[in-house]
PDB file of N, CA and C in Angstrom:
ATOM      1  N   MET A   1      69.990  -2.833  25.935  1.00  0.00           N
ATOM      2  CA  MET A   1      71.180  -2.030  25.834  1.00  0.00           C
ATOM      3  C   MET A   1      71.681  -2.085  24.399  1.00  0.00           C
ATOM      4  N   GLY A   2      71.936  -0.955  23.801  1.00  0.00           N
ATOM      5  CA  GLY A   2      72.374  -0.919  22.422  1.00  0.00           C
ATOM      6  C   GLY A   2      73.810  -1.376  22.275  1.00  0.00           C
ATOM      7  N   GLY A   3      74.142  -1.906  21.124  1.00  0.00           N
ATOM      8  CA  GLY A   3      75.489  -2.385  20.871  1.00  0.00           C
ATOM      9  C   GLY A   3      76.544  -1.303  20.996  1.00  0.00           C
ATOM     10  N   ASP A   4      76.244  -0.100  20.534  1.00  0.00           N
ATOM     11  CA  ASP A   4      77.215   0.984  20.617  1.00  0.00           C
ATOM     12  C   ASP A   4      77.531   1.352  22.058  1.00  0.00           C
ATOM     13  N   ASP A   5      76.512   1.335  22.921  1.00  0.00           N
ATOM     14  CA  ASP A   5      76.726   1.682  24.322  1.00  0.00           C
ATOM     15  C   ASP A   5      77.596   0.645  25.021  1.00  0.00           C
ATOM     16  N   MET A   6      77.488  -0.618  24.620  1.00  0.00           N
ATOM     17  CA  MET A   6      78.300  -1.675  25.230  1.00  0.00           C
ATOM     18  C   MET A   6      79.752  -1.570  24.795  1.00  0.00           C
ATOM     19  N   ASN A   7      79.989  -1.010  23.604  1.00  0.00           N
ATOM     20  CA  ASN A   7      81.351  -0.886  23.120  1.00  0.00           C
ATOM     21  C   ASN A   7      82.118   0.210  23.831  1.00  0.00           C
ATOM     22  N   GLU A   8      81.417   1.162  24.408  1.00  0.00           N
ATOM     23  CA  GLU A   8      82.081   2.233  25.135  1.00  0.00           C
ATOM     24  C   GLU A   8      82.144   1.845  26.598  1.00  0.00           C
ATOM     25  N   VAL A   9      83.351   1.581  27.067  1.00  0.00           N
ATOM     26  CA  VAL A   9      83.569   1.171  28.444  1.00  0.00           C
ATOM     27  C   VAL A   9      84.601   2.114  29.049  1.00  0.00           C
ATOM     28  N   PHE A  10      84.308   2.562  30.278  1.00  0.00           N
ATOM     29  CA  PHE A  10      85.170   3.519  30.946  1.00  0.00           C
ATOM     30  C   PHE A  10      85.728   2.934  32.237  1.00  0.00           C
ATOM     31  N   THR A  11      86.916   3.361  32.598  1.00  0.00           N
ATOM     32  CA  THR A  11      87.450   3.052  33.919  1.00  0.00           C
ATOM     33  C   THR A  11      86.773   3.978  34.919  1.00  0.00           C
ATOM     34  N   VAL A  12      86.940   3.688  36.185  1.00  0.00           N
ATOM     35  CA  VAL A  12      86.377   4.558  37.213  1.00  0.00           C
ATOM     36  C   VAL A  12      86.977   5.956  37.086  1.00  0.00           C
ATOM     37  N   ALA A  13      88.273   6.035  36.847  1.00  0.00           N
ATOM     38  CA  ALA A  13      88.936   7.343  36.731  1.00  0.00           C
ATOM     39  C   ALA A  13      88.388   8.135  35.549  1.00  0.00           C
ATOM     40  N   GLU A  14      88.157   7.473  34.417  1.00  0.00           N
ATOM     41  CA  GLU A  14      87.618   8.159  33.239  1.00  0.00           C
ATOM     42  C   GLU A  14      86.197   8.657  33.496  1.00  0.00           C
ATOM     43  N   ALA A  15      85.347   7.793  34.070  1.00  0.00           N
ATOM     44  CA  ALA A  15      83.960   8.183  34.348  1.00  0.00           C
ATOM     45  C   ALA A  15      83.921   9.306  35.388  1.00  0.00           C
ATOM     46  N   ALA A  16      84.776   9.215  36.396  1.00  0.00           N
ATOM     47  CA  ALA A  16      84.825  10.257  37.428  1.00  0.00           C
ATOM     48  C   ALA A  16      85.249  11.596  36.828  1.00  0.00           C
ATOM     49  N   ALA A  17      86.192  11.567  35.918  1.00  0.00           N
ATOM     50  CA  ALA A  17      86.636  12.810  35.270  1.00  0.00           C
ATOM     51  C   ALA A  17      85.495  13.418  34.448  1.00  0.00           C
ATOM     52  N   MET A  18      84.731  12.572  33.766  1.00  0.00           N
ATOM     53  CA  MET A  18      83.605  13.078  32.968  1.00  0.00           C
ATOM     54  C   MET A  18      82.551  13.723  33.859  1.00  0.00           C
ATOM     55  N   LEU A  19      82.298  13.118  35.028  1.00  0.00           N
ATOM     56  CA  LEU A  19      81.274  13.637  35.938  1.00  0.00           C
ATOM     57  C   LEU A  19      81.806  14.679  36.912  1.00  0.00           C
ATOM     58  N   LYS A  20      83.124  14.874  36.870  1.00  0.00           N
ATOM     59  CA  LYS A  20      83.783  15.844  37.761  1.00  0.00           C
ATOM     60  C   LYS A  20      83.527  15.510  39.235  1.00  0.00           C
ATOM     61  N   VAL A  21      83.727  14.219  39.548  1.00  0.00           N
ATOM     62  CA  VAL A  21      83.628  13.751  40.929  1.00  0.00           C
ATOM     63  C   VAL A  21      84.874  12.943  41.255  1.00  0.00           C
ATOM     64  N   ASP A  22      85.087  12.703  42.523  1.00  0.00           N
ATOM     65  CA  ASP A  22      86.221  11.899  42.960  1.00  0.00           C
ATOM     66  C   ASP A  22      85.964  10.434  42.600  1.00  0.00           C
ATOM     67  N   PRO A  23      86.981   9.715  42.141  1.00  0.00           N
ATOM     68  CA  PRO A  23      86.790   8.300  41.812  1.00  0.00           C
ATOM     69  C   PRO A  23      86.231   7.475  42.976  1.00  0.00           C
ATOM     70  N   SER A  24      86.576   7.830  44.207  1.00  0.00           N
ATOM     71  CA  SER A  24      86.064   7.077  45.358  1.00  0.00           C
ATOM     72  C   SER A  24      84.545   7.189  45.461  1.00  0.00           C
ATOM     73  N   THR A  25      83.993   8.310  45.008  1.00  0.00           N
ATOM     74  CA  THR A  25      82.535   8.483  45.008  1.00  0.00           C
ATOM     75  C   THR A  25      81.891   7.465  44.073  1.00  0.00           C
ATOM     76  N   LEU A  26      82.463   7.293  42.886  1.00  0.00           N
ATOM     77  CA  LEU A  26      81.904   6.321  41.942  1.00  0.00           C
ATOM     78  C   LEU A  26      82.095   4.896  42.440  1.00  0.00           C
ATOM     79  N   ARG A  27      83.254   4.598  43.036  1.00  0.00           N
ATOM     80  CA  ARG A  27      83.469   3.247  43.572  1.00  0.00           C
ATOM     81  C   ARG A  27      82.433   2.921  44.641  1.00  0.00           C
ATOM     82  N   GLN A  28      82.110   3.916  45.470  1.00  0.00           N
ATOM     83  CA  GLN A  28      81.091   3.724  46.506  1.00  0.00           C
ATOM     84  C   GLN A  28      79.738   3.417  45.862  1.00  0.00           C
ATOM     85  N   ARG A  29      79.370   4.160  44.816  1.00  0.00           N
ATOM     86  CA  ARG A  29      78.104   3.938  44.127  1.00  0.00           C
ATOM     87  C   ARG A  29      78.076   2.570  43.443  1.00  0.00           C
ATOM     88  N   LEU A  30      79.223   2.152  42.905  1.00  0.00           N
ATOM     89  CA  LEU A  30      79.321   0.835  42.279  1.00  0.00           C
ATOM     90  C   LEU A  30      79.112  -0.275  43.310  1.00  0.00           C
ATOM     91  N   ARG A  31      79.797  -0.178  44.444  1.00  0.00           N
ATOM     92  CA  ARG A  31      79.665  -1.200  45.493  1.00  0.00           C
ATOM     93  C   ARG A  31      78.244  -1.269  46.034  1.00  0.00           C
ATOM     94  N   ALA A  32      77.567  -0.114  46.107  1.00  0.00           N
ATOM     95  CA  ALA A  32      76.200  -0.064  46.630  1.00  0.00           C
ATOM     96  C   ALA A  32      75.166  -0.499  45.587  1.00  0.00           C
ATOM     97  N   GLY A  33      75.594  -0.648  44.335  1.00  0.00           N
ATOM     98  CA  GLY A  33      74.659  -1.040  43.282  1.00  0.00           C
ATOM     99  C   GLY A  33      73.843   0.124  42.735  1.00  0.00           C
ATOM    100  N   ILE A  34      74.213   1.338  43.088  1.00  0.00           N
ATOM    101  CA  ILE A  34      73.519   2.530  42.595  1.00  0.00           C
ATOM    102  C   ILE A  34      73.944   2.830  41.164  1.00  0.00           C
ATOM    103  N   LEU A  35      75.196   2.534  40.864  1.00  0.00           N
ATOM    104  CA  LEU A  35      75.752   2.698  39.522  1.00  0.00           C
ATOM    105  C   LEU A  35      76.090   1.306  39.015  1.00  0.00           C
ATOM    106  N   GLY A  36      75.611   0.982  37.826  1.00  0.00           N
ATOM    107  CA  GLY A  36      75.911  -0.316  37.243  1.00  0.00           C
ATOM    108  C   GLY A  36      77.340  -0.369  36.737  1.00  0.00           C
ATOM    109  N   GLY A  37      77.929  -1.520  36.831  1.00  0.00           N
ATOM    110  CA  GLY A  37      79.284  -1.714  36.347  1.00  0.00           C
ATOM    111  C   GLY A  37      79.670  -3.167  36.489  1.00  0.00           C
ATOM    112  N   PHE A  38      80.887  -3.489  36.120  1.00  0.00           N
ATOM    113  CA  PHE A  38      81.373  -4.857  36.244  1.00  0.00           C
ATOM    114  C   PHE A  38      82.849  -4.808  36.595  1.00  0.00           C
ATOM    115  N   ARG A  39      83.322  -5.910  37.138  1.00  0.00           N
ATOM    116  CA  ARG A  39      84.724  -5.980  37.553  1.00  0.00           C
ATOM    117  C   ARG A  39      85.538  -6.826  36.592  1.00  0.00           C
ATOM    118  N   ILE A  40      86.743  -6.378  36.390  1.00  0.00           N
ATOM    119  CA  ILE A  40      87.768  -7.171  35.721  1.00  0.00           C
ATOM    120  C   ILE A  40      88.873  -7.275  36.766  1.00  0.00           C
ATOM    121  N   GLY A  41      88.945  -8.419  37.408  1.00  0.00           N
ATOM    122  CA  GLY A  41      89.865  -8.560  38.543  1.00  0.00           C
ATOM    123  C   GLY A  41      89.369  -7.688  39.680  1.00  0.00           C
ATOM    124  N   THR A  42      90.194  -6.747  40.100  1.00  0.00           N
ATOM    125  CA  THR A  42      89.800  -5.834  41.179  1.00  0.00           C
ATOM    126  C   THR A  42      89.364  -4.472  40.654  1.00  0.00           C
ATOM    127  N   ASP A  43      89.457  -4.286  39.340  1.00  0.00           N
ATOM    128  CA  ASP A  43      89.139  -2.989  38.740  1.00  0.00           C
ATOM    129  C   ASP A  43      87.713  -2.963  38.207  1.00  0.00           C
ATOM    130  N   TRP A  44      87.029  -1.875  38.456  1.00  0.00           N
ATOM    131  CA  TRP A  44      85.674  -1.670  37.943  1.00  0.00           C
ATOM    132  C   TRP A  44      85.718  -1.102  36.536  1.00  0.00           C
ATOM    133  N   ARG A  45      84.716  -1.457  35.744  1.00  0.00           N
ATOM    134  CA  ARG A  45      84.481  -0.859  34.429  1.00  0.00           C
ATOM    135  C   ARG A  45      83.014  -0.460  34.367  1.00  0.00           C
ATOM    136  N   ILE A  46      82.740   0.626  33.661  1.00  0.00           N
ATOM    137  CA  ILE A  46      81.380   1.169  33.555  1.00  0.00           C
ATOM    138  C   ILE A  46      81.077   1.383  32.080  1.00  0.00           C
ATOM    139  N   THR A  47      79.961   0.814  31.619  1.00  0.00           N
ATOM    140  CA  THR A  47      79.573   1.037  30.221  1.00  0.00           C
ATOM    141  C   THR A  47      78.907   2.409  30.098  1.00  0.00           C
ATOM    142  N   LYS A  48      78.892   2.915  28.889  1.00  0.00           N
ATOM    143  CA  LYS A  48      78.213   4.194  28.629  1.00  0.00           C
ATOM    144  C   LYS A  48      76.740   4.080  28.987  1.00  0.00           C
ATOM    145  N   ALA A  49      76.130   2.929  28.673  1.00  0.00           N
ATOM    146  CA  ALA A  49      74.710   2.730  28.985  1.00  0.00           C
ATOM    147  C   ALA A  49      74.473   2.802  30.499  1.00  0.00           C
ATOM    148  N   ASP A  50      75.349   2.181  31.290  1.00  0.00           N
ATOM    149  CA  ASP A  50      75.203   2.234  32.746  1.00  0.00           C
ATOM    150  C   ASP A  50      75.397   3.655  33.270  1.00  0.00           C
ATOM    151  N   LEU A  51      76.341   4.363  32.694  1.00  0.00           N
ATOM    152  CA  LEU A  51      76.590   5.751  33.108  1.00  0.00           C
ATOM    153  C   LEU A  51      75.403   6.636  32.743  1.00  0.00           C
ATOM    154  N   ASP A  52      74.860   6.454  31.547  1.00  0.00           N
ATOM    155  CA  ASP A  52      73.689   7.232  31.121  1.00  0.00           C
ATOM    156  C   ASP A  52      72.488   6.946  32.023  1.00  0.00           C
ATOM    157  N   ALA A  53      72.281   5.677  32.367  1.00  0.00           N
ATOM    158  CA  ALA A  53      71.154   5.303  33.238  1.00  0.00           C
ATOM    159  C   ALA A  53      71.319   5.911  34.620  1.00  0.00           C
ATOM    160  N   PHE A  54      72.532   5.906  35.139  1.00  0.00           N
ATOM    161  CA  PHE A  54      72.821   6.504  36.445  1.00  0.00           C
ATOM    162  C   PHE A  54      72.515   7.999  36.430  1.00  0.00           C
ATOM    163  N   ILE A  55      72.949   8.675  35.400  1.00  0.00           N
ATOM    164  CA  ILE A  55      72.710  10.121  35.278  1.00  0.00           C
ATOM    165  C   ILE A  55      71.216  10.399  35.187  1.00  0.00           C
ATOM    166  N   GLU A  56      70.508   9.613  34.401  1.00  0.00           N
ATOM    167  CA  GLU A  56      69.064   9.823  34.233  1.00  0.00           C
ATOM    168  C   GLU A  56      68.319   9.636  35.552  1.00  0.00           C
ATOM    169  N   ARG A  57      68.692   8.592  36.315  1.00  0.00           N
ATOM    170  CA  ARG A  57      68.037   8.357  37.609  1.00  0.00           C
ATOM    171  C   ARG A  57      68.354   9.455  38.616  1.00  0.00           C
ATOM    172  N   ALA A  58      69.513  10.072  38.487  1.00  0.00           N
ATOM    173  CA  ALA A  58      69.936  11.095  39.452  1.00  0.00           C
ATOM    174  C   ALA A  58      69.418  12.487  39.110  1.00  0.00           C
ATOM    175  N   ARG A  59      68.795  12.634  37.955  1.00  0.00           N
ATOM    176  CA  ARG A  59      68.302  13.954  37.541  1.00  0.00           C
ATOM    177  C   ARG A  59      67.256  14.482  38.506  1.00  0.00           C
ATOM    178  N   ASN A  60      67.260  15.789  38.677  1.00  0.00           N
ATOM    179  CA  ASN A  60      66.200  16.427  39.470  1.00  0.00           C
ATOM    180  C   ASN A  60      64.987  16.662  38.582  1.00  0.00           C
ATOM    181  N   ASP A  61      63.925  17.132  39.165  1.00  0.00           N
ATOM    182  CA  ASP A  61      62.710  17.431  38.408  1.00  0.00           C
ATOM    183  C   ASP A  61      62.782  18.860  37.900  1.00  0.00           C
ATOM    184  N   TYR A  62      63.492  19.028  36.799  1.00  0.00           N
ATOM    185  CA  TYR A  62      63.650  20.345  36.188  1.00  0.00           C
ATOM    186  C   TYR A  62      62.305  20.881  35.769  1.00  0.00           C
ATOM    187  N   ARG A  63      62.040  22.132  36.116  1.00  0.00           N
ATOM    188  CA  ARG A  63      60.769  22.760  35.752  1.00  0.00           C
ATOM    189  C   ARG A  63      61.042  24.005  34.927  1.00  0.00           C
ATOM    190  N   THR A  64      60.306  24.132  33.845  1.00  0.00           N
ATOM    191  CA  THR A  64      60.423  25.309  32.998  1.00  0.00           C
ATOM    192  C   THR A  64      59.628  26.451  33.611  1.00  0.00           C
ATOM    193  N   ASP A  65      59.773  27.644  33.073  1.00  0.00           N
ATOM    194  CA  ASP A  65      58.972  28.791  33.529  1.00  0.00           C
ATOM    195  C   ASP A  65      57.492  28.522  33.335  1.00  0.00           C
ATOM    196  N   ASP A  66      57.139  27.812  32.252  1.00  0.00           N
ATOM    197  CA  ASP A  66      55.730  27.471  32.016  1.00  0.00           C
ATOM    198  C   ASP A  66      55.190  26.611  33.146  1.00  0.00           C
ATOM    199  N   ASP A  67      56.008  25.658  33.626  1.00  0.00           N
ATOM    200  CA  ASP A  67      55.582  24.811  34.738  1.00  0.00           C
ATOM    201  C   ASP A  67      55.328  25.654  35.989  1.00  0.00           C
ATOM    202  N   ALA A  68      56.202  26.623  36.231  1.00  0.00           N
ATOM    203  CA  ALA A  68      56.029  27.491  37.396  1.00  0.00           C
ATOM    204  C   ALA A  68      54.743  28.306  37.257  1.00  0.00           C
ATOM    205  N   ASP A  69      54.461  28.798  36.045  1.00  0.00           N
ATOM    206  CA  ASP A  69      53.210  29.536  35.808  1.00  0.00           C
ATOM    207  C   ASP A  69      52.004  28.639  36.062  1.00  0.00           C
ATOM    208  N   ASP A  70      52.116  27.379  35.618  1.00  0.00           N
ATOM    209  CA  ASP A  70      51.022  26.437  35.822  1.00  0.00           C
ATOM    210  C   ASP A  70      50.797  26.183  37.309  1.00  0.00           C
ATOM    211  N   GLN A  71      51.868  26.040  38.071  1.00  0.00           N
ATOM    212  CA  GLN A  71      51.740  25.820  39.510  1.00  0.00           C
ATOM    213  C   GLN A  71      51.127  27.043  40.186  1.00  0.00           C
ATOM    214  N   ALA A  72      51.516  28.229  39.740  1.00  0.00           N
ATOM    215  CA  ALA A  72      50.952  29.457  40.300  1.00  0.00           C
ATOM    216  C   ALA A  72      49.457  29.538  40.005  1.00  0.00           C
ATOM    217  N   ALA A  73      49.058  29.119  38.811  1.00  0.00           N
ATOM    218  CA  ALA A  73      47.639  29.130  38.451  1.00  0.00           C
ATOM    219  C   ALA A  73      46.857  28.185  39.349  1.00  0.00           C
ATOM    220  N   LEU A  74      47.429  27.035  39.644  1.00  0.00           N
ATOM    221  CA  LEU A  74      46.758  26.097  40.545  1.00  0.00           C
ATOM    222  C   LEU A  74      46.622  26.694  41.943  1.00  0.00           C
ATOM    223  N   ALA A  75      47.659  27.369  42.402  1.00  0.00           N
ATOM    224  CA  ALA A  75      47.611  27.981  43.732  1.00  0.00           C
ATOM    225  C   ALA A  75      46.542  29.073  43.777  1.00  0.00           C
ATOM    226  N   ARG A  76      46.468  29.895  42.721  1.00  0.00           N
ATOM    227  CA  ARG A  76      45.450  30.955  42.676  1.00  0.00           C
ATOM    228  C   ARG A  76      44.049  30.364  42.657  1.00  0.00           C
ATOM    229  N   ALA A  77      43.918  29.218  42.032  1.00  0.00           N
ATOM    230  CA  ALA A  77      42.606  28.581  41.946  1.00  0.00           C
ATOM    231  C   ALA A  77      42.249  27.871  43.251  1.00  0.00           C
ATOM    232  N   GLY A  78      43.225  27.791  44.165  1.00  0.00           N
ATOM    233  CA  GLY A  78      42.977  27.141  45.443  1.00  0.00           C
ATOM    234  C   GLY A  78      42.880  25.638  45.334  1.00  0.00           C
ATOM    235  N   SER A  79      43.542  25.088  44.332  1.00  0.00           N
ATOM    236  CA  SER A  79      43.464  23.653  44.120  1.00  0.00           C
ATOM    237  C   SER A  79      44.845  23.093  43.845  1.00  0.00           C
ATOM    238  N   GLY A  80      45.167  22.001  44.504  1.00  0.00           N
ATOM    239  CA  GLY A  80      46.395  21.276  44.201  1.00  0.00           C
ATOM    240  C   GLY A  80      46.082  20.029  43.417  1.00  0.00           C
ATOM    241  N   ASP A  81      44.842  19.900  42.976  1.00  0.00           N
ATOM    242  CA  ASP A  81      44.384  18.704  42.275  1.00  0.00           C
ATOM    243  C   ASP A  81      44.582  18.890  40.778  1.00  0.00           C
ATOM    244  N   PHE A  82      45.273  17.962  40.149  1.00  0.00           N
ATOM    245  CA  PHE A  82      45.564  18.085  38.734  1.00  0.00           C
ATOM    246  C   PHE A  82      44.411  17.601  37.854  1.00  0.00           C
ATOM    247  N   GLU A  83      43.379  17.039  38.439  1.00  0.00           N
ATOM    248  CA  GLU A  83      42.259  16.557  37.645  1.00  0.00           C
ATOM    249  C   GLU A  83      41.514  17.697  36.963  1.00  0.00           C
ATOM    250  N   ASP A  84      41.444  18.868  37.600  1.00  0.00           N
ATOM    251  CA  ASP A  84      40.730  19.992  37.011  1.00  0.00           C
ATOM    252  C   ASP A  84      41.704  20.958  36.330  1.00  0.00           C
ATOM    253  N   TRP A  85      42.781  20.409  35.815  1.00  0.00           N
ATOM    254  CA  TRP A  85      43.867  21.187  35.226  1.00  0.00           C
ATOM    255  C   TRP A  85      43.401  22.098  34.096  1.00  0.00           C
ATOM    256  N   GLN A  86      42.641  21.586  33.146  1.00  0.00           N
ATOM    257  CA  GLN A  86      42.199  22.398  32.013  1.00  0.00           C
ATOM    258  C   GLN A  86      41.318  23.549  32.477  1.00  0.00           C
ATOM    259  N   ALA A  87      40.449  23.317  33.450  1.00  0.00           N
ATOM    260  CA  ALA A  87      39.588  24.381  33.973  1.00  0.00           C
ATOM    261  C   ALA A  87      40.428  25.469  34.627  1.00  0.00           C
ATOM    262  N   VAL A  88      41.442  25.085  35.362  1.00  0.00           N
ATOM    263  CA  VAL A  88      42.304  26.067  36.023  1.00  0.00           C
ATOM    264  C   VAL A  88      43.048  26.893  34.983  1.00  0.00           C
ATOM    265  N   LYS A  89      43.596  26.222  33.968  1.00  0.00           N
ATOM    266  CA  LYS A  89      44.318  26.950  32.916  1.00  0.00           C
ATOM    267  C   LYS A  89      43.395  27.929  32.200  1.00  0.00           C
ATOM    268  N   THR A  90      42.206  27.502  31.877  1.00  0.00           N
ATOM    269  CA  THR A  90      41.248  28.352  31.170  1.00  0.00           C
ATOM    270  C   THR A  90      40.857  29.546  32.043  1.00  0.00           C
ATOM    271  N   ARG A  91      40.522  29.297  33.282  1.00  0.00           N
ATOM    272  CA  ARG A  91      40.089  30.333  34.214  1.00  0.00           C
ATOM    273  C   ARG A  91      41.170  31.377  34.450  1.00  0.00           C
ATOM    274  N   ASN A  92      42.436  30.976  34.394  1.00  0.00           N
ATOM    275  CA  ASN A  92      43.541  31.896  34.656  1.00  0.00           C
ATOM    276  C   ASN A  92      44.206  32.400  33.386  1.00  0.00           C
ATOM    277  N   GLY A  93      43.573  32.167  32.255  1.00  0.00           N
ATOM    278  CA  GLY A  93      44.088  32.708  30.993  1.00  0.00           C
ATOM    279  C   GLY A  93      45.388  32.097  30.531  1.00  0.00           C
ATOM    280  N   LEU A  94      45.626  30.835  30.860  1.00  0.00           N
ATOM    281  CA  LEU A  94      46.871  30.188  30.441  1.00  0.00           C
ATOM    282  C   LEU A  94      46.655  29.286  29.248  1.00  0.00           C
TER     283      LEU A  94
END
């Protein structure tokens, strides 16, 4: 964890506002260990590094148009196997 990320610490309310979610949602994730954080008394604190890691783990598998074209080429080739990827791309003019 970088030093700069440790210096940025947010309250649950601040982190919830940044993510545009209800603070109770973040508290639930903190209690479940899905979101990293630490307690000061009864109050939770979340470092920027923990928030960034949480966001990264929650990301979906974003696919570009090129990825969709590649998947279509595999379907046309009748293969879902990525081992023959270069042959499929060549055969389908990609």
